[in-house]
PDB file of N, CA and C in Angstrom:
ATOM      1  N   UNK A   1     107.386  84.360 103.200  1.00  0.00           N
ATOM      2  CA  UNK A   1     107.964  83.058 102.338  1.00  0.00           C
ATOM      3  C   UNK A   1     107.311  83.603 100.975  1.00  0.00           C
ATOM      4  N   UNK A   2     108.066  83.673  99.908  1.00  0.00           N
ATOM      5  CA  UNK A   2     107.047  83.903  98.727  1.00  0.00           C
ATOM      6  C   UNK A   2     107.948  83.031  97.258  1.00  0.00           C
ATOM      7  N   UNK A   3     107.145  82.697  96.416  1.00  0.00           N
ATOM      8  CA  UNK A   3     107.799  82.093  95.313  1.00  0.00           C
ATOM      9  C   UNK A   3     107.231  82.839  94.023  1.00  0.00           C
ATOM     10  N   UNK A   4     108.067  83.004  93.094  1.00  0.00           N
ATOM     11  CA  UNK A   4     107.732  83.221  91.559  1.00  0.00           C
ATOM     12  C   UNK A   4     107.441  82.234  90.678  1.00  0.00           C
ATOM     13  N   UNK A   5     106.168  82.102  90.569  1.00  0.00           N
ATOM     14  CA  UNK A   5     105.184  81.038  89.843  1.00  0.00           C
ATOM     15  C   UNK A   5     105.341  81.450  88.529  1.00  0.00           C
ATOM     16  N   UNK A   6     104.555  82.155  87.965  1.00  0.00           N
ATOM     17  CA  UNK A   6     103.963  82.367  86.287  1.00  0.00           C
ATOM     18  C   UNK A   6     102.795  83.351  86.398  1.00  0.00           C
ATOM     19  N   UNK A   7     102.604  83.687  84.844  1.00  0.00           N
ATOM     20  CA  UNK A   7     101.609  84.429  84.711  1.00  0.00           C
ATOM     21  C   UNK A   7     100.283  84.219  85.794  1.00  0.00           C
ATOM     22  N   UNK A   8      99.740  85.744  85.949  1.00  0.00           N
ATOM     23  CA  UNK A   8      98.508  85.183  86.812  1.00  0.00           C
ATOM     24  C   UNK A   8      98.923  86.237  87.896  1.00  0.00           C
ATOM     25  N   UNK A   9      97.527  86.713  88.549  1.00  0.00           N
ATOM     26  CA  UNK A   9      97.598  87.175  89.894  1.00  0.00           C
ATOM     27  C   UNK A   9      96.791  86.151  90.712  1.00  0.00           C
ATOM     28  N   UNK A  10      96.999  86.734  91.981  1.00  0.00           N
ATOM     29  CA  UNK A  10      96.519  86.006  92.995  1.00  0.00           C
ATOM     30  C   UNK A  10      96.160  87.498  94.327  1.00  0.00           C
ATOM     31  N   UNK A  11      95.124  87.439  94.939  1.00  0.00           N
ATOM     32  CA  UNK A  11      94.815  87.950  95.937  1.00  0.00           C
ATOM     33  C   UNK A  11      95.228  87.383  97.671  1.00  0.00           C
ATOM     34  N   UNK A  12      95.075  88.287  98.392  1.00  0.00           N
ATOM     35  CA  UNK A  12      95.162  87.703  99.910  1.00  0.00           C
ATOM     36  C   UNK A  12      94.513  86.511 100.383  1.00  0.00           C
ATOM     37  N   UNK A  13      93.747  86.063  99.495  1.00  0.00           N
ATOM     38  CA  UNK A  13      92.656  85.159 100.315  1.00  0.00           C
ATOM     39  C   UNK A  13      93.468  83.250  99.883  1.00  0.00           C
ATOM     40  N   UNK A  14      93.521  83.056 101.222  1.00  0.00           N
ATOM     41  CA  UNK A  14      94.528  81.532 101.275  1.00  0.00           C
ATOM     42  C   UNK A  14      93.690  80.277 100.150  1.00  0.00           C
ATOM     43  N   UNK A  15      92.419  80.407  99.768  1.00  0.00           N
ATOM     44  CA  UNK A  15      91.877  79.303  98.901  1.00  0.00           C
ATOM     45  C   UNK A  15      92.445  79.115  97.839  1.00  0.00           C
ATOM     46  N   UNK A  16      93.354  79.870  97.180  1.00  0.00           N
ATOM     47  CA  UNK A  16      93.801  79.761  96.015  1.00  0.00           C
ATOM     48  C   UNK A  16      95.188  78.572  96.025  1.00  0.00           C
ATOM     49  N   UNK A  17      95.688  78.475  97.490  1.00  0.00           N
ATOM     50  CA  UNK A  17      96.734  77.796  97.556  1.00  0.00           C
ATOM     51  C   UNK A  17      96.138  76.250  98.098  1.00  0.00           C
ATOM     52  N   UNK A  18      96.124  75.163  97.602  1.00  0.00           N
ATOM     53  CA  UNK A  18      95.908  74.194  97.825  1.00  0.00           C
ATOM     54  C   UNK A  18      97.069  73.269  98.588  1.00  0.00           C
ATOM     55  N   UNK A  19      96.856  72.142  99.195  1.00  0.00           N
ATOM     56  CA  UNK A  19      98.059  71.342  99.566  1.00  0.00           C
ATOM     57  C   UNK A  19      97.246  70.011  99.444  1.00  0.00           C
ATOM     58  N   UNK A  20      97.616  69.193  98.913  1.00  0.00           N
ATOM     59  CA  UNK A  20      97.086  67.660  98.710  1.00  0.00           C
ATOM     60  C   UNK A  20      97.285  66.507  99.868  1.00  0.00           C
ATOM     61  N   UNK A  21      96.860  65.965 100.239  1.00  0.00           N
ATOM     62  CA  UNK A  21      97.093  64.848 100.973  1.00  0.00           C
ATOM     63  C   UNK A  21      98.266  64.292 100.887  1.00  0.00           C
ATOM     64  N   UNK A  22      98.797  64.188  99.843  1.00  0.00           N
ATOM     65  CA  UNK A  22     100.408  63.944  99.238  1.00  0.00           C
ATOM     66  C   UNK A  22     101.444  64.701  99.563  1.00  0.00           C
ATOM     67  N   UNK A  23     100.915  66.022 100.162  1.00  0.00           N
ATOM     68  CA  UNK A  23     101.496  67.094 100.610  1.00  0.00           C
ATOM     69  C   UNK A  23     102.536  67.684  99.192  1.00  0.00           C
ATOM     70  N   UNK A  24     101.641  67.861  98.334  1.00  0.00           N
ATOM     71  CA  UNK A  24     102.143  68.477  97.056  1.00  0.00           C
ATOM     72  C   UNK A  24     101.011  69.887  97.326  1.00  0.00           C
ATOM     73  N   UNK A  25     101.966  70.616  96.967  1.00  0.00           N
ATOM     74  CA  UNK A  25     100.945  72.381  97.036  1.00  0.00           C
ATOM     75  C   UNK A  25     100.670  72.386  95.311  1.00  0.00           C
ATOM     76  N   UNK A  26      99.367  73.065  95.349  1.00  0.00           N
ATOM     77  CA  UNK A  26      99.144  73.547  93.973  1.00  0.00           C
ATOM     78  C   UNK A  26      98.887  75.249  94.209  1.00  0.00           C
ATOM     79  N   UNK A  27      98.921  76.282  93.513  1.00  0.00           N
ATOM     80  CA  UNK A  27      98.297  77.406  93.384  1.00  0.00           C
ATOM     81  C   UNK A  27      97.435  77.634  92.138  1.00  0.00           C
ATOM     82  N   UNK A  28      96.379  78.121  92.293  1.00  0.00           N
ATOM     83  CA  UNK A  28      95.520  78.775  91.190  1.00  0.00           C
ATOM     84  C   UNK A  28      95.650  80.058  90.927  1.00  0.00           C
ATOM     85  N   UNK A  29      95.502  80.363  89.870  1.00  0.00           N
ATOM     86  CA  UNK A  29      95.865  82.057  89.308  1.00  0.00           C
ATOM     87  C   UNK A  29      95.135  82.298  88.134  1.00  0.00           C
ATOM     88  N   UNK A  30      94.591  83.647  88.422  1.00  0.00           N
ATOM     89  CA  UNK A  30      93.463  83.862  87.233  1.00  0.00           C
ATOM     90  C   UNK A  30      94.440  84.760  86.430  1.00  0.00           C
ATOM     91  N   UNK A  31      94.311  84.839  85.061  1.00  0.00           N
ATOM     92  CA  UNK A  31      95.552  85.472  83.854  1.00  0.00           C
ATOM     93  C   UNK A  31      94.696  86.375  83.124  1.00  0.00           C
ATOM     94  N   UNK A  32      94.395  87.689  83.217  1.00  0.00           N
ATOM     95  CA  UNK A  32      93.531  88.619  82.219  1.00  0.00           C
ATOM     96  C   UNK A  32      94.720  89.196  81.651  1.00  0.00           C
ATOM     97  N   UNK A  33      95.898  88.998  80.958  1.00  0.00           N
ATOM     98  CA  UNK A  33      96.526  89.714  80.446  1.00  0.00           C
ATOM     99  C   UNK A  33      96.325  89.856  78.714  1.00  0.00           C
ATOM    100  N   UNK A  34      95.611  88.451  78.528  1.00  0.00           N
ATOM    101  CA  UNK A  34      95.450  88.548  77.261  1.00  0.00           C
ATOM    102  C   UNK A  34      94.159  89.117  76.681  1.00  0.00           C
ATOM    103  N   UNK A  35      93.114  89.461  77.619  1.00  0.00           N
ATOM    104  CA  UNK A  35      91.791  90.138  77.305  1.00  0.00           C
ATOM    105  C   UNK A  35      92.450  91.641  77.366  1.00  0.00           C
ATOM    106  N   UNK A  36      93.239  91.993  78.285  1.00  0.00           N
ATOM    107  CA  UNK A  36      93.373  93.290  78.416  1.00  0.00           C
ATOM    108  C   UNK A  36      94.385  93.761  77.243  1.00  0.00           C
ATOM    109  N   UNK A  37      95.229  92.961  76.623  1.00  0.00           N
ATOM    110  CA  UNK A  37      95.918  93.186  75.290  1.00  0.00           C
ATOM    111  C   UNK A  37      95.043  93.038  73.955  1.00  0.00           C
ATOM    112  N   UNK A  38      93.886  92.556  74.225  1.00  0.00           N
ATOM    113  CA  UNK A  38      92.640  92.016  73.177  1.00  0.00           C
ATOM    114  C   UNK A  38      93.302  90.934  72.081  1.00  0.00           C
ATOM    115  N   UNK A  39      94.047  90.271  72.920  1.00  0.00           N
ATOM    116  CA  UNK A  39      94.586  88.946  72.030  1.00  0.00           C
ATOM    117  C   UNK A  39      94.098  87.690  72.183  1.00  0.00           C
ATOM    118  N   UNK A  40      93.298  87.997  73.559  1.00  0.00           N
ATOM    119  CA  UNK A  40      92.484  86.160  73.907  1.00  0.00           C
ATOM    120  C   UNK A  40      91.628  86.329  74.970  1.00  0.00           C
ATOM    121  N   UNK A  41      91.233  85.095  75.705  1.00  0.00           N
ATOM    122  CA  UNK A  41      90.249  85.485  76.527  1.00  0.00           C
ATOM    123  C   UNK A  41      91.252  85.035  78.065  1.00  0.00           C
ATOM    124  N   UNK A  42      90.573  85.396  79.068  1.00  0.00           N
ATOM    125  CA  UNK A  42      91.389  85.142  80.065  1.00  0.00           C
ATOM    126  C   UNK A  42      91.071  83.727  80.239  1.00  0.00           C
ATOM    127  N   UNK A  43      92.228  83.312  81.162  1.00  0.00           N
ATOM    128  CA  UNK A  43      92.469  81.845  81.696  1.00  0.00           C
ATOM    129  C   UNK A  43      92.508  81.452  83.061  1.00  0.00           C
ATOM    130  N   UNK A  44      92.751  80.588  83.661  1.00  0.00           N
ATOM    131  CA  UNK A  44      93.299  80.211  84.889  1.00  0.00           C
ATOM    132  C   UNK A  44      94.108  79.027  84.820  1.00  0.00           C
ATOM    133  N   UNK A  45      95.398  79.376  85.624  1.00  0.00           N
ATOM    134  CA  UNK A  45      96.162  78.391  85.289  1.00  0.00           C
ATOM    135  C   UNK A  45      96.318  77.734  87.121  1.00  0.00           C
ATOM    136  N   UNK A  46      96.816  76.345  86.639  1.00  0.00           N
ATOM    137  CA  UNK A  46      97.042  75.591  88.053  1.00  0.00           C
ATOM    138  C   UNK A  46      98.494  75.333  88.205  1.00  0.00           C
ATOM    139  N   UNK A  47      99.266  75.859  88.917  1.00  0.00           N
ATOM    140  CA  UNK A  47     100.459  75.836  89.223  1.00  0.00           C
ATOM    141  C   UNK A  47     100.744  74.326  90.314  1.00  0.00           C
ATOM    142  N   UNK A  48     101.756  73.250  89.542  1.00  0.00           N
ATOM    143  CA  UNK A  48     101.897  72.044  90.576  1.00  0.00           C
ATOM    144  C   UNK A  48     103.201  72.467  91.441  1.00  0.00           C
ATOM    145  N   UNK A  49     103.665  72.330  92.791  1.00  0.00           N
ATOM    146  CA  UNK A  49     105.002  72.051  92.743  1.00  0.00           C
ATOM    147  C   UNK A  49     105.807  71.272  92.430  1.00  0.00           C
ATOM    148  N   UNK A  50     107.197  71.431  92.234  1.00  0.00           N
ATOM    149  CA  UNK A  50     107.885  70.254  91.796  1.00  0.00           C
ATOM    150  C   UNK A  50     107.959  69.342  92.760  1.00  0.00           C
ATOM    151  N   UNK A  51     108.147  69.391  94.008  1.00  0.00           N
ATOM    152  CA  UNK A  51     108.509  68.618  95.074  1.00  0.00           C
ATOM    153  C   UNK A  51     107.373  68.952  96.037  1.00  0.00           C
ATOM    154  N   UNK A  52     107.142  67.533  96.842  1.00  0.00           N
ATOM    155  CA  UNK A  52     106.226  67.481  98.200  1.00  0.00           C
ATOM    156  C   UNK A  52     106.942  68.435  99.000  1.00  0.00           C
ATOM    157  N   UNK A  53     106.246  68.581 100.082  1.00  0.00           N
ATOM    158  CA  UNK A  53     107.013  69.443 101.335  1.00  0.00           C
ATOM    159  C   UNK A  53     107.201  70.908 100.924  1.00  0.00           C
ATOM    160  N   UNK A  54     108.369  71.413 100.994  1.00  0.00           N
ATOM    161  CA  UNK A  54     108.409  72.685 100.859  1.00  0.00           C
ATOM    162  C   UNK A  54     108.612  73.056  99.699  1.00  0.00           C
ATOM    163  N   UNK A  55     107.616  73.543  98.608  1.00  0.00           N
ATOM    164  CA  UNK A  55     108.187  73.644  97.274  1.00  0.00           C
ATOM    165  C   UNK A  55     109.512  74.344  96.812  1.00  0.00           C
ATOM    166  N   UNK A  56     109.824  73.890  96.042  1.00  0.00           N
ATOM    167  CA  UNK A  56     111.425  73.963  95.100  1.00  0.00           C
ATOM    168  C   UNK A  56     111.210  74.638  94.001  1.00  0.00           C
ATOM    169  N   UNK A  57     109.795  74.790  93.891  1.00  0.00           N
ATOM    170  CA  UNK A  57     109.544  75.488  92.160  1.00  0.00           C
ATOM    171  C   UNK A  57     108.275  75.292  91.984  1.00  0.00           C
ATOM    172  N   UNK A  58     107.622  75.640  90.973  1.00  0.00           N
ATOM    173  CA  UNK A  58     106.313  75.280  90.122  1.00  0.00           C
ATOM    174  C   UNK A  58     105.951  75.153  88.941  1.00  0.00           C
ATOM    175  N   UNK A  59     105.705  74.263  88.232  1.00  0.00           N
ATOM    176  CA  UNK A  59     105.333  74.317  86.938  1.00  0.00           C
ATOM    177  C   UNK A  59     103.819  74.230  86.519  1.00  0.00           C
ATOM    178  N   UNK A  60     103.177  74.981  85.567  1.00  0.00           N
ATOM    179  CA  UNK A  60     101.760  74.742  85.195  1.00  0.00           C
ATOM    180  C   UNK A  60     101.476  72.925  84.977  1.00  0.00           C
ATOM    181  N   UNK A  61     100.460  72.921  85.082  1.00  0.00           N
ATOM    182  CA  UNK A  61      99.858  71.638  85.273  1.00  0.00           C
ATOM    183  C   UNK A  61      98.503  71.599  84.088  1.00  0.00           C
ATOM    184  N   UNK A  62      99.218  70.706  83.194  1.00  0.00           N
ATOM    185  CA  UNK A  62      98.326  70.751  82.128  1.00  0.00           C
ATOM    186  C   UNK A  62      97.758  71.715  81.371  1.00  0.00           C
ATOM    187  N   UNK A  63      98.538  72.825  80.746  1.00  0.00           N
ATOM    188  CA  UNK A  63      98.334  73.830  80.562  1.00  0.00           C
ATOM    189  C   UNK A  63      97.311  73.871  79.092  1.00  0.00           C
ATOM    190  N   UNK A  64      97.481  72.918  78.288  1.00  0.00           N
ATOM    191  CA  UNK A  64      96.668  72.678  77.146  1.00  0.00           C
ATOM    192  C   UNK A  64      95.194  72.466  77.584  1.00  0.00           C
ATOM    193  N   UNK A  65      94.782  72.332  78.918  1.00  0.00           N
ATOM    194  CA  UNK A  65      93.290  72.299  78.965  1.00  0.00           C
ATOM    195  C   UNK A  65      92.830  73.257  80.416  1.00  0.00           C
ATOM    196  N   UNK A  66      93.665  74.068  80.188  1.00  0.00           N
ATOM    197  CA  UNK A  66      93.248  75.128  81.689  1.00  0.00           C
ATOM    198  C   UNK A  66      91.995  76.140  80.830  1.00  0.00           C
ATOM    199  N   UNK A  67      91.280  76.242  82.298  1.00  0.00           N
ATOM    200  CA  UNK A  67      89.916  76.700  81.968  1.00  0.00           C
ATOM    201  C   UNK A  67      89.932  78.359  81.522  1.00  0.00           C
ATOM    202  N   UNK A  68      89.372  78.819  80.408  1.00  0.00           N
ATOM    203  CA  UNK A  68      89.220  80.236  79.673  1.00  0.00           C
ATOM    204  C   UNK A  68      87.946  80.549  79.378  1.00  0.00           C
ATOM    205  N   UNK A  69      88.026  81.837  79.343  1.00  0.00           N
ATOM    206  CA  UNK A  69      86.450  82.219  79.476  1.00  0.00           C
ATOM    207  C   UNK A  69      86.228  82.217  77.777  1.00  0.00           C
ATOM    208  N   UNK A  70      84.270  82.099  78.135  1.00  0.00           N
ATOM    209  CA  UNK A  70      83.922  81.924  76.721  1.00  0.00           C
ATOM    210  C   UNK A  70      83.031  83.381  76.779  1.00  0.00           C
ATOM    211  N   UNK A  71      82.985  84.263  77.397  1.00  0.00           N
ATOM    212  CA  UNK A  71      82.292  85.673  77.403  1.00  0.00           C
ATOM    213  C   UNK A  71      82.842  86.834  76.760  1.00  0.00           C
ATOM    214  N   UNK A  72      82.075  87.180  75.610  1.00  0.00           N
ATOM    215  CA  UNK A  72      82.268  88.079  74.694  1.00  0.00           C
ATOM    216  C   UNK A  72      83.125  89.512  75.379  1.00  0.00           C
ATOM    217  N   UNK A  73      83.168  89.565  76.459  1.00  0.00           N
ATOM    218  CA  UNK A  73      84.225  90.838  77.320  1.00  0.00           C
ATOM    219  C   UNK A  73      85.327  89.856  77.341  1.00  0.00           C
ATOM    220  N   UNK A  74      85.491  88.857  77.076  1.00  0.00           N
ATOM    221  CA  UNK A  74      86.716  88.570  77.847  1.00  0.00           C
ATOM    222  C   UNK A  74      87.055  87.882  79.247  1.00  0.00           C
ATOM    223  N   UNK A  75      86.187  88.216  79.984  1.00  0.00           N
ATOM    224  CA  UNK A  75      85.956  88.077  81.477  1.00  0.00           C
ATOM    225  C   UNK A  75      85.424  86.901  82.255  1.00  0.00           C
ATOM    226  N   UNK A  76      85.995  86.051  83.074  1.00  0.00           N
ATOM    227  CA  UNK A  76      85.924  85.205  83.379  1.00  0.00           C
ATOM    228  C   UNK A  76      84.227  84.959  84.011  1.00  0.00           C
ATOM    229  N   UNK A  77      83.594  84.575  83.697  1.00  0.00           N
ATOM    230  CA  UNK A  77      82.108  84.888  84.160  1.00  0.00           C
ATOM    231  C   UNK A  77      81.984  83.934  85.448  1.00  0.00           C
ATOM    232  N   UNK A  78      81.406  84.953  86.389  1.00  0.00           N
ATOM    233  CA  UNK A  78      81.571  83.900  87.698  1.00  0.00           C
ATOM    234  C   UNK A  78      82.269  84.291  88.532  1.00  0.00           C
ATOM    235  N   UNK A  79      83.419  84.862  88.049  1.00  0.00           N
ATOM    236  CA  UNK A  79      84.740  84.976  88.818  1.00  0.00           C
ATOM    237  C   UNK A  79      84.800  86.386  89.560  1.00  0.00           C
TER     238      UNK A  79
END
C-alpha cells in the first residue's frame, strides 16, 4: 500500500512513520528541494493522517514551525 503525501523524500527506513497510541499515523520527510534550487534551506515535514486507523490522506502538521537547516551549505546538520 502506498500514499501520496506531499513534498519530501523518505527511504526504506520504517522509523520515519509513527503511529500514536490514539491510532493516528504521522510521516516525517526531509525536503531538500529548496537548497537544490538555491531558494532556501532544507526542511523536515511532519504529515498527520486525516483519519485514525487506515489513513484516508495526510496533511502537513504545523508547517509554520517545521525544522529547517541553519547550515551555510543548506544541508540538515546531523541528518
